[in-house]
Amino acid sequence: SLRLSCVASGIIFRFYNMGWYRQAPGKQRELV
């Protein structure tokens, strides 16, 4: 297991839609 974190600044965070994407070698970036 791993736990990823993303800290935002410069935005009103509570108004934003957030997402995690990934890109593997040779593949397109995709929504996780």
ModelCIF file with pLDDT and N, C-alpha, C, O atoms, coordinates in Angstrom:
data_MODEL
#
_entry.id   MODEL 
#
_entity.id                         1 
_entity.type                       polymer 
_entity.pdbx_number_of_molecules   1 
#
_entity_poly.entity_id                      1 
_entity_poly.type                           'polypeptide(L)' 
_entity_poly.nstd_linkage                   no 
_entity_poly.nstd_monomer                   no 
_entity_poly.pdbx_seq_one_letter_code       SLRLSCVASGIIFRFYNMGWYRQAPGKQRELV 
_entity_poly.pdbx_seq_one_letter_code_can   SLRLSCVASGIIFRFYNMGWYRQAPGKQRELV 
_entity_poly.pdbx_strand_id                 A 
#
loop_
_entity_poly_seq.entity_id 
_entity_poly_seq.num 
_entity_poly_seq.mon_id 
_entity_poly_seq.hetero 
1 1  SER n 
1 2  LEU n 
1 3  ARG n 
1 4  LEU n 
1 5  SER n 
1 6  CYS n 
1 7  VAL n 
1 8  ALA n 
1 9  SER n 
1 10 GLY n 
1 11 ILE n 
1 12 ILE n 
1 13 PHE n 
1 14 ARG n 
1 15 PHE n 
1 16 TYR n 
1 17 ASN n 
1 18 MET n 
1 19 GLY n 
1 20 TRP n 
1 21 TYR n 
1 22 ARG n 
1 23 GLN n 
1 24 ALA n 
1 25 PRO n 
1 26 GLY n 
1 27 LYS n 
1 28 GLN n 
1 29 ARG n 
1 30 GLU n 
1 31 LEU n 
1 32 VAL n 
#
_struct_asym.id          A 
_struct_asym.entity_id   1 
#
loop_
_ma_qa_metric.id 
_ma_qa_metric.mode 
_ma_qa_metric.name 
_ma_qa_metric.software_group_id 
_ma_qa_metric.type 
1 global pLDDT . pLDDT 
2 local  pLDDT . pLDDT 
#
_ma_qa_metric_global.metric_id      1 
_ma_qa_metric_global.metric_value   96.59 
_ma_qa_metric_global.model_id       1 
_ma_qa_metric_global.ordinal_id     1 
#
loop_
_ma_qa_metric_local.label_asym_id 
_ma_qa_metric_local.label_comp_id 
_ma_qa_metric_local.label_seq_id 
_ma_qa_metric_local.metric_id 
_ma_qa_metric_local.metric_value 
_ma_qa_metric_local.model_id 
_ma_qa_metric_local.ordinal_id 
A SER 1  2 98.00 1 1  
A LEU 2  2 98.00 1 2  
A ARG 3  2 98.00 1 3  
A LEU 4  2 98.00 1 4  
A SER 5  2 98.00 1 5  
A CYS 6  2 98.00 1 6  
A VAL 7  2 98.00 1 7  
A ALA 8  2 97.00 1 8  
A SER 9  2 96.00 1 9  
A GLY 10 2 94.00 1 10 
A ILE 11 2 91.00 1 11 
A ILE 12 2 93.00 1 12 
A PHE 13 2 95.00 1 13 
A ARG 14 2 96.00 1 14 
A PHE 15 2 96.00 1 15 
A TYR 16 2 97.00 1 16 
A ASN 17 2 98.00 1 17 
A MET 18 2 98.00 1 18 
A GLY 19 2 98.00 1 19 
A TRP 20 2 98.00 1 20 
A TYR 21 2 98.00 1 21 
A ARG 22 2 98.00 1 22 
A GLN 23 2 98.00 1 23 
A ALA 24 2 96.00 1 24 
A PRO 25 2 91.00 1 25 
A GLY 26 2 93.00 1 26 
A LYS 27 2 96.00 1 27 
A GLN 28 2 97.00 1 28 
A ARG 29 2 97.00 1 29 
A GLU 30 2 98.00 1 30 
A LEU 31 2 98.00 1 31 
A VAL 32 2 98.00 1 32 
#
loop_
_atom_site.group_PDB 
_atom_site.id 
_atom_site.type_symbol 
_atom_site.label_atom_id 
_atom_site.label_alt_id 
_atom_site.label_comp_id 
_atom_site.label_asym_id 
_atom_site.label_entity_id 
_atom_site.label_seq_id 
_atom_site.pdbx_PDB_ins_code 
_atom_site.Cartn_x 
_atom_site.Cartn_y 
_atom_site.Cartn_z 
_atom_site.occupancy 
_atom_site.B_iso_or_equiv 
_atom_site.pdbx_formal_charge 
_atom_site.auth_seq_id 
_atom_site.auth_comp_id 
_atom_site.auth_asym_id 
_atom_site.auth_atom_id 
_atom_site.pdbx_PDB_model_num 
ATOM 1   N N  . SER A 1 1  ? 0.821   -1.204 0.000   1.00 98.00 ? 1  SER A N  1 
ATOM 2   C CA . SER A 1 1  ? 0.000   0.000  0.000   1.00 98.00 ? 1  SER A CA 1 
ATOM 3   C C  . SER A 1 1  ? 0.857   1.257  0.000   1.00 98.00 ? 1  SER A C  1 
ATOM 4   O O  . SER A 1 1  ? 1.979   1.266  0.507   1.00 98.00 ? 1  SER A O  1 
ATOM 5   N N  . LEU A 1 2  ? 0.307   2.311  -0.577  1.00 98.00 ? 2  LEU A N  1 
ATOM 6   C CA . LEU A 1 2  ? 0.882   3.644  -0.522  1.00 98.00 ? 2  LEU A CA 1 
ATOM 7   C C  . LEU A 1 2  ? -0.242  4.648  -0.369  1.00 98.00 ? 2  LEU A C  1 
ATOM 8   O O  . LEU A 1 2  ? -1.371  4.407  -0.797  1.00 98.00 ? 2  LEU A O  1 
ATOM 9   N N  . ARG A 1 3  ? 0.077   5.775  0.243   1.00 98.00 ? 3  ARG A N  1 
ATOM 10  C CA . ARG A 1 3  ? -0.864  6.879  0.346   1.00 98.00 ? 3  ARG A CA 1 
ATOM 11  C C  . ARG A 1 3  ? -0.244  8.114  -0.282  1.00 98.00 ? 3  ARG A C  1 
ATOM 12  O O  . ARG A 1 3  ? 0.767   8.625  0.200   1.00 98.00 ? 3  ARG A O  1 
ATOM 13  N N  . LEU A 1 4  ? -0.850  8.589  -1.355  1.00 98.00 ? 4  LEU A N  1 
ATOM 14  C CA . LEU A 1 4  ? -0.396  9.793  -2.025  1.00 98.00 ? 4  LEU A CA 1 
ATOM 15  C C  . LEU A 1 4  ? -1.128  11.007 -1.465  1.00 98.00 ? 4  LEU A C  1 
ATOM 16  O O  . LEU A 1 4  ? -2.304  10.930 -1.108  1.00 98.00 ? 4  LEU A O  1 
ATOM 17  N N  . SER A 1 5  ? -0.415  12.126 -1.393  1.00 98.00 ? 5  SER A N  1 
ATOM 18  C CA . SER A 1 5  ? -0.992  13.380 -0.942  1.00 98.00 ? 5  SER A CA 1 
ATOM 19  C C  . SER A 1 5  ? -0.725  14.462 -1.973  1.00 98.00 ? 5  SER A C  1 
ATOM 20  O O  . SER A 1 5  ? 0.298   14.445 -2.658  1.00 98.00 ? 5  SER A O  1 
ATOM 21  N N  . CYS A 1 6  ? -1.642  15.391 -2.076  1.00 98.00 ? 6  CYS A N  1 
ATOM 22  C CA . CYS A 1 6  ? -1.486  16.546 -2.952  1.00 98.00 ? 6  CYS A CA 1 
ATOM 23  C C  . CYS A 1 6  ? -1.945  17.778 -2.192  1.00 98.00 ? 6  CYS A C  1 
ATOM 24  O O  . CYS A 1 6  ? -3.112  17.886 -1.815  1.00 98.00 ? 6  CYS A O  1 
ATOM 25  N N  . VAL A 1 7  ? -1.027  18.701 -1.970  1.00 98.00 ? 7  VAL A N  1 
ATOM 26  C CA . VAL A 1 7  ? -1.323  19.934 -1.256  1.00 98.00 ? 7  VAL A CA 1 
ATOM 27  C C  . VAL A 1 7  ? -1.449  21.070 -2.258  1.00 98.00 ? 7  VAL A C  1 
ATOM 28  O O  . VAL A 1 7  ? -0.557  21.288 -3.076  1.00 98.00 ? 7  VAL A O  1 
ATOM 29  N N  . ALA A 1 8  ? -2.551  21.785 -2.190  1.00 97.00 ? 8  ALA A N  1 
ATOM 30  C CA . ALA A 1 8  ? -2.838  22.872 -3.118  1.00 97.00 ? 8  ALA A CA 1 
ATOM 31  C C  . ALA A 1 8  ? -2.621  24.221 -2.457  1.00 97.00 ? 8  ALA A C  1 
ATOM 32  O O  . ALA A 1 8  ? -2.863  24.388 -1.261  1.00 97.00 ? 8  ALA A O  1 
ATOM 33  N N  . SER A 1 9  ? -2.163  25.180 -3.247  1.00 96.00 ? 9  SER A N  1 
ATOM 34  C CA . SER A 1 9  ? -2.047  26.559 -2.803  1.00 96.00 ? 9  SER A CA 1 
ATOM 35  C C  . SER A 1 9  ? -2.414  27.474 -3.960  1.00 96.00 ? 9  SER A C  1 
ATOM 36  O O  . SER A 1 9  ? -2.355  27.073 -5.122  1.00 96.00 ? 9  SER A O  1 
ATOM 37  N N  . GLY A 1 10 ? -2.791  28.694 -3.639  1.00 94.00 ? 10 GLY A N  1 
ATOM 38  C CA . GLY A 1 10 ? -3.145  29.654 -4.668  1.00 94.00 ? 10 GLY A CA 1 
ATOM 39  C C  . GLY A 1 10 ? -4.550  29.511 -5.220  1.00 94.00 ? 10 GLY A C  1 
ATOM 40  O O  . GLY A 1 10 ? -4.898  30.176 -6.196  1.00 94.00 ? 10 GLY A O  1 
ATOM 41  N N  . ILE A 1 11 ? -5.360  28.662 -4.620  1.00 91.00 ? 11 ILE A N  1 
ATOM 42  C CA . ILE A 1 11 ? -6.745  28.468 -5.033  1.00 91.00 ? 11 ILE A CA 1 
ATOM 43  C C  . ILE A 1 11 ? -7.631  28.407 -3.800  1.00 91.00 ? 11 ILE A C  1 
ATOM 44  O O  . ILE A 1 11 ? -7.162  28.164 -2.688  1.00 91.00 ? 11 ILE A O  1 
ATOM 45  N N  . ILE A 1 12 ? -8.921  28.632 -4.018  1.00 93.00 ? 12 ILE A N  1 
ATOM 46  C CA . ILE A 1 12 ? -9.890  28.377 -2.960  1.00 93.00 ? 12 ILE A CA 1 
ATOM 47  C C  . ILE A 1 12 ? -10.252 26.907 -3.084  1.00 93.00 ? 12 ILE A C  1 
ATOM 48  O O  . ILE A 1 12 ? -11.148 26.536 -3.843  1.00 93.00 ? 12 ILE A O  1 
ATOM 49  N N  . PHE A 1 13 ? -9.553  26.085 -2.339  1.00 95.00 ? 13 PHE A N  1 
ATOM 50  C CA . PHE A 1 13 ? -9.535  24.649 -2.541  1.00 95.00 ? 13 PHE A CA 1 
ATOM 51  C C  . PHE A 1 13 ? -10.934 24.039 -2.511  1.00 95.00 ? 13 PHE A C  1 
ATOM 52  O O  . PHE A 1 13 ? -11.237 23.173 -3.332  1.00 95.00 ? 13 PHE A O  1 
ATOM 53  N N  . ARG A 1 14 ? -11.774 24.456 -1.609  1.00 96.00 ? 14 ARG A N  1 
ATOM 54  C CA . ARG A 1 14 ? -13.078 23.827 -1.440  1.00 96.00 ? 14 ARG A CA 1 
ATOM 55  C C  . ARG A 1 14 ? -13.997 23.989 -2.645  1.00 96.00 ? 14 ARG A C  1 
ATOM 56  O O  . ARG A 1 14 ? -14.997 23.281 -2.758  1.00 96.00 ? 14 ARG A O  1 
ATOM 57  N N  . PHE A 1 15 ? -13.668 24.915 -3.547  1.00 96.00 ? 15 PHE A N  1 
ATOM 58  C CA . PHE A 1 15 ? -14.449 25.115 -4.761  1.00 96.00 ? 15 PHE A CA 1 
ATOM 59  C C  . PHE A 1 15 ? -13.991 24.243 -5.925  1.00 96.00 ? 15 PHE A C  1 
ATOM 60  O O  . PHE A 1 15 ? -14.649 24.213 -6.964  1.00 96.00 ? 15 PHE A O  1 
ATOM 61  N N  . TYR A 1 16 ? -12.880 23.537 -5.770  1.00 97.00 ? 16 TYR A N  1 
ATOM 62  C CA . TYR A 1 16 ? -12.268 22.812 -6.882  1.00 97.00 ? 16 TYR A CA 1 
ATOM 63  C C  . TYR A 1 16 ? -12.655 21.340 -6.905  1.00 97.00 ? 16 TYR A C  1 
ATOM 64  O O  . TYR A 1 16 ? -12.775 20.688 -5.867  1.00 97.00 ? 16 TYR A O  1 
ATOM 65  N N  . ASN A 1 17 ? -12.845 20.845 -8.107  1.00 98.00 ? 17 ASN A N  1 
ATOM 66  C CA . ASN A 1 17 ? -12.894 19.409 -8.335  1.00 98.00 ? 17 ASN A CA 1 
ATOM 67  C C  . ASN A 1 17 ? -11.459 18.896 -8.425  1.00 98.00 ? 17 ASN A C  1 
ATOM 68  O O  . ASN A 1 17 ? -10.632 19.480 -9.125  1.00 98.00 ? 17 ASN A O  1 
ATOM 69  N N  . MET A 1 18 ? -11.165 17.813 -7.724  1.00 98.00 ? 18 MET A N  1 
ATOM 70  C CA . MET A 1 18 ? -9.809  17.283 -7.663  1.00 98.00 ? 18 MET A CA 1 
ATOM 71  C C  . MET A 1 18 ? -9.765  15.871 -8.221  1.00 98.00 ? 18 MET A C  1 
ATOM 72  O O  . MET A 1 18 ? -10.743 15.128 -8.148  1.00 98.00 ? 18 MET A O  1 
ATOM 73  N N  . GLY A 1 19 ? -8.620  15.514 -8.777  1.00 98.00 ? 19 GLY A N  1 
ATOM 74  C CA . GLY A 1 19 ? -8.475  14.174 -9.318  1.00 98.00 ? 19 GLY A CA 1 
ATOM 75  C C  . GLY A 1 19 ? -7.041  13.696 -9.304  1.00 98.00 ? 19 GLY A C  1 
ATOM 76  O O  . GLY A 1 19 ? -6.096  14.482 -9.235  1.00 98.00 ? 19 GLY A O  1 
ATOM 77  N N  . TRP A 1 20 ? -6.906  12.378 -9.373  1.00 98.00 ? 20 TRP A N  1 
ATOM 78  C CA . TRP A 1 20 ? -5.618  11.728 -9.554  1.00 98.00 ? 20 TRP A CA 1 
ATOM 79  C C  . TRP A 1 20 ? -5.596  11.050 -10.916 1.00 98.00 ? 20 TRP A C  1 
ATOM 80  O O  . TRP A 1 20 ? -6.504  10.293 -11.261 1.00 98.00 ? 20 TRP A O  1 
ATOM 81  N N  . TYR A 1 21 ? -4.564  11.325 -11.674 1.00 98.00 ? 21 TYR A N  1 
ATOM 82  C CA . TYR A 1 21 ? -4.329  10.707 -12.966 1.00 98.00 ? 21 TYR A CA 1 
ATOM 83  C C  . TYR A 1 21 ? -2.998  9.970  -12.923 1.00 98.00 ? 21 TYR A C  1 
ATOM 84  O O  . TYR A 1 21 ? -2.165  10.227 -12.053 1.00 98.00 ? 21 TYR A O  1 
ATOM 85  N N  . ARG A 1 22 ? -2.802  9.058  -13.858 1.00 98.00 ? 22 ARG A N  1 
ATOM 86  C CA . ARG A 1 22 ? -1.512  8.382  -13.951 1.00 98.00 ? 22 ARG A CA 1 
ATOM 87  C C  . ARG A 1 22 ? -1.134  8.185  -15.412 1.00 98.00 ? 22 ARG A C  1 
ATOM 88  O O  . ARG A 1 22 ? -1.986  8.127  -16.298 1.00 98.00 ? 22 ARG A O  1 
ATOM 89  N N  . GLN A 1 23 ? 0.164   8.085  -15.629 1.00 98.00 ? 23 GLN A N  1 
ATOM 90  C CA . GLN A 1 23 ? 0.685   7.834  -16.958 1.00 98.00 ? 23 GLN A CA 1 
ATOM 91  C C  . GLN A 1 23 ? 1.815   6.822  -16.852 1.00 98.00 ? 23 GLN A C  1 
ATOM 92  O O  . GLN A 1 23 ? 2.852   7.091  -16.245 1.00 98.00 ? 23 GLN A O  1 
ATOM 93  N N  . ALA A 1 24 ? 1.604   5.665  -17.444 1.00 96.00 ? 24 ALA A N  1 
ATOM 94  C CA . ALA A 1 24 ? 2.603   4.620  -17.498 1.00 96.00 ? 24 ALA A CA 1 
ATOM 95  C C  . ALA A 1 24 ? 3.409   4.764  -18.783 1.00 96.00 ? 24 ALA A C  1 
ATOM 96  O O  . ALA A 1 24 ? 2.931   5.374  -19.739 1.00 96.00 ? 24 ALA A O  1 
ATOM 97  N N  . PRO A 1 25 ? 4.628   4.212  -18.826 1.00 91.00 ? 25 PRO A N  1 
ATOM 98  C CA . PRO A 1 25 ? 5.438   4.305  -20.044 1.00 91.00 ? 25 PRO A CA 1 
ATOM 99  C C  . PRO A 1 25 ? 4.701   3.758  -21.260 1.00 91.00 ? 25 PRO A C  1 
ATOM 100 O O  . PRO A 1 25 ? 4.162   2.652  -21.225 1.00 91.00 ? 25 PRO A O  1 
ATOM 101 N N  . GLY A 1 26 ? 4.683   4.540  -22.333 1.00 93.00 ? 26 GLY A N  1 
ATOM 102 C CA . GLY A 1 26 ? 4.047   4.125  -23.567 1.00 93.00 ? 26 GLY A CA 1 
ATOM 103 C C  . GLY A 1 26 ? 2.537   4.222  -23.588 1.00 93.00 ? 26 GLY A C  1 
ATOM 104 O O  . GLY A 1 26 ? 1.911   3.813  -24.566 1.00 93.00 ? 26 GLY A O  1 
ATOM 105 N N  . LYS A 1 27 ? 1.935   4.752  -22.536 1.00 96.00 ? 27 LYS A N  1 
ATOM 106 C CA . LYS A 1 27 ? 0.486   4.860  -22.464 1.00 96.00 ? 27 LYS A CA 1 
ATOM 107 C C  . LYS A 1 27 ? 0.056   6.307  -22.255 1.00 96.00 ? 27 LYS A C  1 
ATOM 108 O O  . LYS A 1 27 ? 0.845   7.151  -21.832 1.00 96.00 ? 27 LYS A O  1 
ATOM 109 N N  . GLN A 1 28 ? -1.211  6.577  -22.559 1.00 97.00 ? 28 GLN A N  1 
ATOM 110 C CA . GLN A 1 28 ? -1.776  7.901  -22.353 1.00 97.00 ? 28 GLN A CA 1 
ATOM 111 C C  . GLN A 1 28 ? -2.111  8.118  -20.886 1.00 97.00 ? 28 GLN A C  1 
ATOM 112 O O  . GLN A 1 28 ? -2.331  7.168  -20.135 1.00 97.00 ? 28 GLN A O  1 
ATOM 113 N N  . ARG A 1 29 ? -2.146  9.378  -20.495 1.00 97.00 ? 29 ARG A N  1 
ATOM 114 C CA . ARG A 1 29 ? -2.557  9.719  -19.147 1.00 97.00 ? 29 ARG A CA 1 
ATOM 115 C C  . ARG A 1 29 ? -4.032  9.384  -18.960 1.00 97.00 ? 29 ARG A C  1 
ATOM 116 O O  . ARG A 1 29 ? -4.854  9.681  -19.827 1.00 97.00 ? 29 ARG A O  1 
ATOM 117 N N  . GLU A 1 30 ? -4.368  8.765  -17.831 1.00 98.00 ? 30 GLU A N  1 
ATOM 118 C CA . GLU A 1 30 ? -5.731  8.343  -17.587 1.00 98.00 ? 30 GLU A CA 1 
ATOM 119 C C  . GLU A 1 30 ? -6.179  8.738  -16.190 1.00 98.00 ? 30 GLU A C  1 
ATOM 120 O O  . GLU A 1 30 ? -5.368  8.854  -15.271 1.00 98.00 ? 30 GLU A O  1 
ATOM 121 N N  . LEU A 1 31 ? -7.473  8.940  -16.044 1.00 98.00 ? 31 LEU A N  1 
ATOM 122 C CA . LEU A 1 31 ? -8.056  9.252  -14.750 1.00 98.00 ? 31 LEU A CA 1 
ATOM 123 C C  . LEU A 1 31 ? -8.076  8.009  -13.876 1.00 98.00 ? 31 LEU A C  1 
ATOM 124 O O  . LEU A 1 31 ? -8.546  6.952  -14.298 1.00 98.00 ? 31 LEU A O  1 
ATOM 125 N N  . VAL A 1 32 ? -7.565  8.136  -12.660 1.00 98.00 ? 32 VAL A N  1 
ATOM 126 C CA . VAL A 1 32 ? -7.603  7.066  -11.681 1.00 98.00 ? 32 VAL A CA 1 
ATOM 127 C C  . VAL A 1 32 ? -8.785  7.239  -10.741 1.00 98.00 ? 32 VAL A C  1 
ATOM 128 O O  . VAL A 1 32 ? -8.982  6.423  -9.840  1.00 98.00 ? 32 VAL A O  1 
#
